[in-house]
Amino acid sequence: MAGHDNINGSTEKSSSSMDDLPTFNAENMQNNMKVILYSRTFMAIIGGVIAGILGLTSLTGFIFYFLVMAITSAALTAKAKFSIHSYFDSWNRLVLDGFFGGLMSFVLFWTFAYDIVHIF
């Protein structure tokens, strides 16, 4: 993951409060958001296949999805070394973005794997 850029350097002291604000590189922010999107989509697909193979149905399957997404959020936070504001402008970006985006992929692979293993 790419961090933010500090224009003034870490050793220089600034006199105005505007210079103390962290500056984010837009390209790095986009790259970080792509990493989150790809990670969540991949984990939704893997989670859907696992839920289908385990034979989870109804509410237990959706609870499993939310559990997988919570684990993914924790793993991404650990990947950022628990310093979320160094890589993202807010914690919502890491924890909540793409949370429901992978739901359709999860349901698709969940039903596909369930049909292959338990019906056919």
N, C-alpha and C. Protein backbone atom coordinates (compact mmCIF):
# COMPACT_ATOMS: atom_id res chain seq x y z
N MET A 1 0.84 -1.16 0.00
CA MET A 1 0.00 0.00 0.00
C MET A 1 0.89 1.23 0.00
N ALA A 2 0.43 2.24 -0.66
CA ALA A 2 1.20 3.46 -0.78
C ALA A 2 0.76 4.46 0.27
N GLY A 3 1.70 5.10 0.91
CA GLY A 3 1.40 6.06 1.96
C GLY A 3 1.25 7.47 1.42
N HIS A 4 1.05 8.43 2.33
CA HIS A 4 0.91 9.81 1.92
C HIS A 4 2.26 10.46 1.79
N ASP A 5 2.29 11.53 1.00
CA ASP A 5 3.54 12.27 0.79
C ASP A 5 3.62 13.44 1.75
N ASN A 6 4.77 13.64 2.31
CA ASN A 6 5.00 14.79 3.16
C ASN A 6 5.91 15.73 2.39
N ILE A 7 5.34 16.82 1.93
CA ILE A 7 6.09 17.75 1.08
C ILE A 7 7.22 18.42 1.85
N ASN A 8 6.98 18.76 3.09
CA ASN A 8 7.97 19.51 3.87
C ASN A 8 9.09 18.64 4.40
N GLY A 9 8.96 17.37 4.37
CA GLY A 9 9.97 16.49 4.95
C GLY A 9 9.68 16.27 6.42
N SER A 10 10.27 15.27 6.99
CA SER A 10 9.95 14.93 8.37
C SER A 10 10.76 15.76 9.37
N THR A 11 11.84 16.40 8.95
CA THR A 11 12.68 17.12 9.90
C THR A 11 12.37 18.61 9.96
N GLU A 12 11.66 19.15 8.98
CA GLU A 12 11.39 20.57 8.96
C GLU A 12 10.20 20.91 9.84
N LYS A 13 10.24 22.02 10.51
CA LYS A 13 9.14 22.52 11.31
C LYS A 13 8.46 23.65 10.54
N SER A 14 7.14 23.65 10.52
CA SER A 14 6.41 24.70 9.82
C SER A 14 5.76 25.63 10.82
N SER A 15 5.57 26.88 10.42
CA SER A 15 5.00 27.85 11.34
C SER A 15 3.49 27.96 11.20
N SER A 16 2.94 27.64 10.06
CA SER A 16 1.49 27.76 9.90
C SER A 16 0.82 26.41 10.07
N SER A 17 -0.44 26.45 10.46
CA SER A 17 -1.17 25.21 10.68
C SER A 17 -1.56 24.53 9.37
N MET A 18 -1.61 25.26 8.29
CA MET A 18 -1.95 24.67 6.99
C MET A 18 -0.86 23.71 6.51
N ASP A 19 0.37 23.96 6.86
CA ASP A 19 1.47 23.08 6.45
C ASP A 19 1.51 21.79 7.26
N ASP A 20 0.82 21.76 8.40
CA ASP A 20 0.81 20.58 9.25
C ASP A 20 -0.19 19.53 8.78
N LEU A 21 -1.08 19.90 7.88
CA LEU A 21 -2.05 18.94 7.38
C LEU A 21 -1.36 17.92 6.48
N PRO A 22 -1.71 16.66 6.62
CA PRO A 22 -1.10 15.66 5.74
C PRO A 22 -1.61 15.81 4.31
N THR A 23 -0.73 15.63 3.38
CA THR A 23 -1.11 15.69 1.97
C THR A 23 -1.12 14.27 1.42
N PHE A 24 -2.13 13.98 0.65
CA PHE A 24 -2.28 12.65 0.08
C PHE A 24 -2.05 12.71 -1.41
N ASN A 25 -1.35 11.75 -1.91
CA ASN A 25 -1.13 11.62 -3.33
C ASN A 25 -2.36 10.91 -3.92
N ALA A 26 -3.02 11.55 -4.88
CA ALA A 26 -4.26 11.01 -5.45
C ALA A 26 -4.03 9.66 -6.12
N GLU A 27 -2.89 9.51 -6.76
CA GLU A 27 -2.58 8.24 -7.42
C GLU A 27 -2.42 7.10 -6.40
N ASN A 28 -1.76 7.40 -5.29
CA ASN A 28 -1.61 6.39 -4.24
C ASN A 28 -2.95 6.05 -3.61
N MET A 29 -3.81 7.05 -3.42
CA MET A 29 -5.14 6.80 -2.85
C MET A 29 -5.96 5.90 -3.78
N GLN A 30 -5.91 6.15 -5.08
CA GLN A 30 -6.62 5.31 -6.03
C GLN A 30 -6.09 3.89 -6.01
N ASN A 31 -4.79 3.74 -5.94
CA ASN A 31 -4.18 2.42 -5.87
C ASN A 31 -4.62 1.68 -4.61
N ASN A 32 -4.67 2.38 -3.48
CA ASN A 32 -5.10 1.76 -2.23
C ASN A 32 -6.56 1.33 -2.31
N MET A 33 -7.40 2.14 -2.96
CA MET A 33 -8.81 1.78 -3.09
C MET A 33 -8.97 0.58 -4.03
N LYS A 34 -8.13 0.48 -5.05
CA LYS A 34 -8.16 -0.70 -5.94
C LYS A 34 -7.79 -1.96 -5.17
N VAL A 35 -6.80 -1.84 -4.30
CA VAL A 35 -6.39 -2.99 -3.50
C VAL A 35 -7.54 -3.45 -2.62
N ILE A 36 -8.24 -2.51 -2.01
CA ILE A 36 -9.40 -2.88 -1.18
C ILE A 36 -10.48 -3.54 -2.01
N LEU A 37 -10.79 -2.97 -3.16
CA LEU A 37 -11.84 -3.52 -4.02
C LEU A 37 -11.49 -4.93 -4.48
N TYR A 38 -10.27 -5.13 -4.95
CA TYR A 38 -9.85 -6.45 -5.42
C TYR A 38 -9.81 -7.47 -4.27
N SER A 39 -9.34 -7.05 -3.12
CA SER A 39 -9.27 -7.96 -1.97
C SER A 39 -10.66 -8.38 -1.53
N ARG A 40 -11.57 -7.44 -1.45
CA ARG A 40 -12.93 -7.78 -1.03
C ARG A 40 -13.64 -8.65 -2.06
N THR A 41 -13.46 -8.36 -3.34
CA THR A 41 -14.09 -9.18 -4.37
C THR A 41 -13.54 -10.59 -4.34
N PHE A 42 -12.23 -10.73 -4.23
CA PHE A 42 -11.60 -12.05 -4.16
C PHE A 42 -12.09 -12.82 -2.94
N MET A 43 -12.14 -12.17 -1.80
CA MET A 43 -12.59 -12.84 -0.58
C MET A 43 -14.07 -13.18 -0.64
N ALA A 44 -14.87 -12.36 -1.33
CA ALA A 44 -16.29 -12.67 -1.50
C ALA A 44 -16.46 -13.92 -2.35
N ILE A 45 -15.66 -14.05 -3.40
CA ILE A 45 -15.73 -15.24 -4.27
C ILE A 45 -15.29 -16.48 -3.50
N ILE A 46 -14.16 -16.39 -2.81
CA ILE A 46 -13.67 -17.53 -2.03
C ILE A 46 -14.65 -17.88 -0.92
N GLY A 47 -15.19 -16.87 -0.24
CA GLY A 47 -16.18 -17.11 0.81
C GLY A 47 -17.44 -17.75 0.27
N GLY A 48 -17.88 -17.34 -0.92
CA GLY A 48 -19.06 -17.94 -1.52
C GLY A 48 -18.85 -19.40 -1.85
N VAL A 49 -17.69 -19.73 -2.37
CA VAL A 49 -17.38 -21.13 -2.68
C VAL A 49 -17.33 -21.96 -1.40
N ILE A 50 -16.70 -21.43 -0.37
CA ILE A 50 -16.63 -22.16 0.90
C ILE A 50 -18.02 -22.34 1.51
N ALA A 51 -18.84 -21.28 1.46
CA ALA A 51 -20.20 -21.38 2.00
C ALA A 51 -21.02 -22.41 1.23
N GLY A 52 -20.83 -22.48 -0.08
CA GLY A 52 -21.55 -23.47 -0.88
C GLY A 52 -21.09 -24.88 -0.59
N ILE A 53 -19.79 -25.06 -0.45
CA ILE A 53 -19.26 -26.40 -0.16
C ILE A 53 -19.71 -26.86 1.23
N LEU A 54 -19.74 -25.93 2.20
CA LEU A 54 -20.17 -26.29 3.55
C LEU A 54 -21.67 -26.52 3.64
N GLY A 55 -22.40 -26.11 2.61
CA GLY A 55 -23.85 -26.32 2.60
C GLY A 55 -24.62 -25.31 3.43
N LEU A 56 -24.05 -24.13 3.61
CA LEU A 56 -24.74 -23.10 4.37
C LEU A 56 -25.93 -22.59 3.56
N THR A 57 -27.05 -22.39 4.23
CA THR A 57 -28.24 -21.91 3.57
C THR A 57 -28.84 -20.76 4.36
N SER A 58 -29.62 -19.97 3.68
CA SER A 58 -30.42 -18.91 4.28
C SER A 58 -29.57 -17.92 5.06
N LEU A 59 -29.97 -17.66 6.28
CA LEU A 59 -29.33 -16.62 7.09
C LEU A 59 -27.89 -16.98 7.47
N THR A 60 -27.60 -18.24 7.64
CA THR A 60 -26.23 -18.63 8.02
C THR A 60 -25.22 -18.29 6.92
N GLY A 61 -25.66 -18.38 5.67
CA GLY A 61 -24.78 -18.01 4.57
C GLY A 61 -24.46 -16.53 4.57
N PHE A 62 -25.46 -15.69 4.83
CA PHE A 62 -25.22 -14.25 4.88
C PHE A 62 -24.41 -13.85 6.10
N ILE A 63 -24.63 -14.52 7.20
CA ILE A 63 -23.79 -14.27 8.39
C ILE A 63 -22.35 -14.64 8.09
N PHE A 64 -22.15 -15.72 7.35
CA PHE A 64 -20.80 -16.12 6.95
C PHE A 64 -20.16 -15.05 6.07
N TYR A 65 -20.96 -14.44 5.17
CA TYR A 65 -20.44 -13.36 4.32
C TYR A 65 -19.96 -12.19 5.17
N PHE A 66 -20.77 -11.77 6.14
CA PHE A 66 -20.38 -10.65 6.98
C PHE A 66 -19.16 -10.99 7.84
N LEU A 67 -19.04 -12.24 8.24
CA LEU A 67 -17.87 -12.68 8.97
C LEU A 67 -16.62 -12.62 8.09
N VAL A 68 -16.74 -13.06 6.84
CA VAL A 68 -15.61 -13.01 5.91
C VAL A 68 -15.20 -11.57 5.65
N MET A 69 -16.17 -10.67 5.49
CA MET A 69 -15.85 -9.26 5.24
C MET A 69 -15.22 -8.61 6.48
N ALA A 70 -15.64 -9.01 7.67
CA ALA A 70 -15.02 -8.48 8.89
C ALA A 70 -13.57 -8.95 9.01
N ILE A 71 -13.33 -10.21 8.67
CA ILE A 71 -11.96 -10.74 8.69
C ILE A 71 -11.11 -10.03 7.64
N THR A 72 -11.71 -9.76 6.48
CA THR A 72 -10.98 -9.04 5.43
C THR A 72 -10.63 -7.63 5.89
N SER A 73 -11.56 -6.96 6.54
CA SER A 73 -11.28 -5.61 7.07
C SER A 73 -10.15 -5.66 8.09
N ALA A 74 -10.18 -6.65 8.96
CA ALA A 74 -9.11 -6.78 9.96
C ALA A 74 -7.77 -7.08 9.30
N ALA A 75 -7.78 -7.90 8.26
CA ALA A 75 -6.53 -8.22 7.56
C ALA A 75 -5.98 -7.00 6.83
N LEU A 76 -6.86 -6.21 6.23
CA LEU A 76 -6.40 -5.00 5.54
C LEU A 76 -5.87 -3.96 6.54
N THR A 77 -6.49 -3.90 7.70
CA THR A 77 -6.00 -3.00 8.74
C THR A 77 -4.62 -3.45 9.23
N ALA A 78 -4.45 -4.75 9.38
CA ALA A 78 -3.14 -5.28 9.79
C ALA A 78 -2.11 -5.04 8.69
N LYS A 79 -2.52 -5.16 7.43
CA LYS A 79 -1.61 -4.90 6.31
C LYS A 79 -1.15 -3.45 6.32
N ALA A 80 -2.03 -2.54 6.75
CA ALA A 80 -1.68 -1.12 6.86
C ALA A 80 -0.95 -0.82 8.17
N LYS A 81 -0.59 -1.87 8.89
CA LYS A 81 0.14 -1.76 10.16
C LYS A 81 -0.62 -0.91 11.17
N PHE A 82 -1.96 -1.01 11.15
CA PHE A 82 -2.86 -0.33 12.08
C PHE A 82 -2.69 1.18 12.05
N SER A 83 -2.11 1.69 10.98
CA SER A 83 -1.95 3.13 10.78
C SER A 83 -2.81 3.52 9.58
N ILE A 84 -4.10 3.54 9.80
CA ILE A 84 -5.06 3.74 8.71
C ILE A 84 -4.90 5.11 8.07
N HIS A 85 -4.66 6.13 8.86
CA HIS A 85 -4.59 7.49 8.33
C HIS A 85 -3.32 7.76 7.52
N SER A 86 -2.39 6.84 7.52
CA SER A 86 -1.21 6.99 6.66
C SER A 86 -1.50 6.58 5.23
N TYR A 87 -2.54 5.76 5.04
CA TYR A 87 -2.83 5.23 3.72
C TYR A 87 -4.20 5.65 3.18
N PHE A 88 -5.10 6.08 4.06
CA PHE A 88 -6.45 6.45 3.66
C PHE A 88 -6.84 7.74 4.36
N ASP A 89 -7.80 8.46 3.77
CA ASP A 89 -8.20 9.71 4.38
C ASP A 89 -9.13 9.52 5.57
N SER A 90 -9.82 8.37 5.65
CA SER A 90 -10.64 8.07 6.82
C SER A 90 -10.72 6.56 7.00
N TRP A 91 -11.09 6.14 8.20
CA TRP A 91 -11.18 4.71 8.48
C TRP A 91 -12.34 4.07 7.74
N ASN A 92 -13.35 4.88 7.35
CA ASN A 92 -14.49 4.34 6.59
C ASN A 92 -14.04 3.72 5.27
N ARG A 93 -13.03 4.29 4.67
CA ARG A 93 -12.53 3.76 3.39
C ARG A 93 -12.06 2.33 3.54
N LEU A 94 -11.37 2.05 4.60
CA LEU A 94 -10.81 0.72 4.81
C LEU A 94 -11.85 -0.28 5.32
N VAL A 95 -12.68 0.16 6.22
CA VAL A 95 -13.60 -0.77 6.88
C VAL A 95 -14.88 -0.99 6.08
N LEU A 96 -15.44 0.06 5.49
CA LEU A 96 -16.76 -0.06 4.90
C LEU A 96 -16.82 -0.05 3.38
N ASP A 97 -15.86 0.54 2.70
CA ASP A 97 -15.92 0.59 1.24
C ASP A 97 -15.84 -0.80 0.63
N GLY A 98 -16.77 -1.09 -0.22
CA GLY A 98 -16.81 -2.39 -0.88
C GLY A 98 -17.39 -3.50 -0.03
N PHE A 99 -17.93 -3.15 1.14
CA PHE A 99 -18.47 -4.16 2.04
C PHE A 99 -19.65 -4.88 1.39
N PHE A 100 -20.54 -4.11 0.76
CA PHE A 100 -21.69 -4.72 0.09
C PHE A 100 -21.43 -4.93 -1.40
N GLY A 101 -20.33 -4.43 -1.91
CA GLY A 101 -20.01 -4.58 -3.32
C GLY A 101 -19.75 -6.01 -3.73
N GLY A 102 -19.22 -6.81 -2.85
CA GLY A 102 -18.93 -8.20 -3.16
C GLY A 102 -20.08 -9.14 -2.87
N LEU A 103 -21.20 -8.60 -2.44
CA LEU A 103 -22.33 -9.45 -2.06
C LEU A 103 -22.88 -10.22 -3.25
N MET A 104 -22.97 -9.59 -4.40
CA MET A 104 -23.48 -10.29 -5.59
C MET A 104 -22.53 -11.41 -6.02
N SER A 105 -21.24 -11.15 -5.97
CA SER A 105 -20.27 -12.20 -6.31
C SER A 105 -20.35 -13.34 -5.31
N PHE A 106 -20.51 -13.01 -4.03
CA PHE A 106 -20.65 -14.02 -3.00
C PHE A 106 -21.86 -14.91 -3.28
N VAL A 107 -23.01 -14.31 -3.54
CA VAL A 107 -24.23 -15.08 -3.77
C VAL A 107 -24.10 -15.94 -5.03
N LEU A 108 -23.50 -15.39 -6.07
CA LEU A 108 -23.31 -16.15 -7.31
C LEU A 108 -22.48 -17.41 -7.07
N PHE A 109 -21.33 -17.25 -6.45
CA PHE A 109 -20.46 -18.41 -6.23
C PHE A 109 -20.97 -19.31 -5.12
N TRP A 110 -21.70 -18.76 -4.18
CA TRP A 110 -22.33 -19.55 -3.12
C TRP A 110 -23.34 -20.52 -3.72
N THR A 111 -24.24 -20.00 -4.55
CA THR A 111 -25.26 -20.86 -5.16
C THR A 111 -24.64 -21.83 -6.16
N PHE A 112 -23.63 -21.38 -6.89
CA PHE A 112 -22.96 -22.24 -7.87
C PHE A 112 -22.29 -23.43 -7.17
N ALA A 113 -21.53 -23.15 -6.12
CA ALA A 113 -20.84 -24.24 -5.41
C ALA A 113 -21.83 -25.14 -4.69
N TYR A 114 -22.88 -24.56 -4.14
CA TYR A 114 -23.90 -25.36 -3.44
C TYR A 114 -24.59 -26.31 -4.43
N ASP A 115 -24.92 -25.80 -5.61
CA ASP A 115 -25.57 -26.63 -6.63
C ASP A 115 -24.68 -27.77 -7.08
N ILE A 116 -23.41 -27.49 -7.30
CA ILE A 116 -22.49 -28.51 -7.78
C ILE A 116 -22.27 -29.60 -6.73
N VAL A 117 -22.10 -29.21 -5.49
CA VAL A 117 -21.76 -30.17 -4.44
C VAL A 117 -22.97 -30.89 -3.90
N HIS A 118 -24.07 -30.19 -3.68
CA HIS A 118 -25.19 -30.79 -2.97
C HIS A 118 -26.39 -31.19 -3.84
N ILE A 119 -26.49 -30.68 -5.05
CA ILE A 119 -27.65 -31.00 -5.88
C ILE A 119 -27.28 -31.97 -7.00
N PHE A 120 -26.19 -31.70 -7.69
CA PHE A 120 -25.83 -32.56 -8.83
C PHE A 120 -25.09 -33.77 -8.40
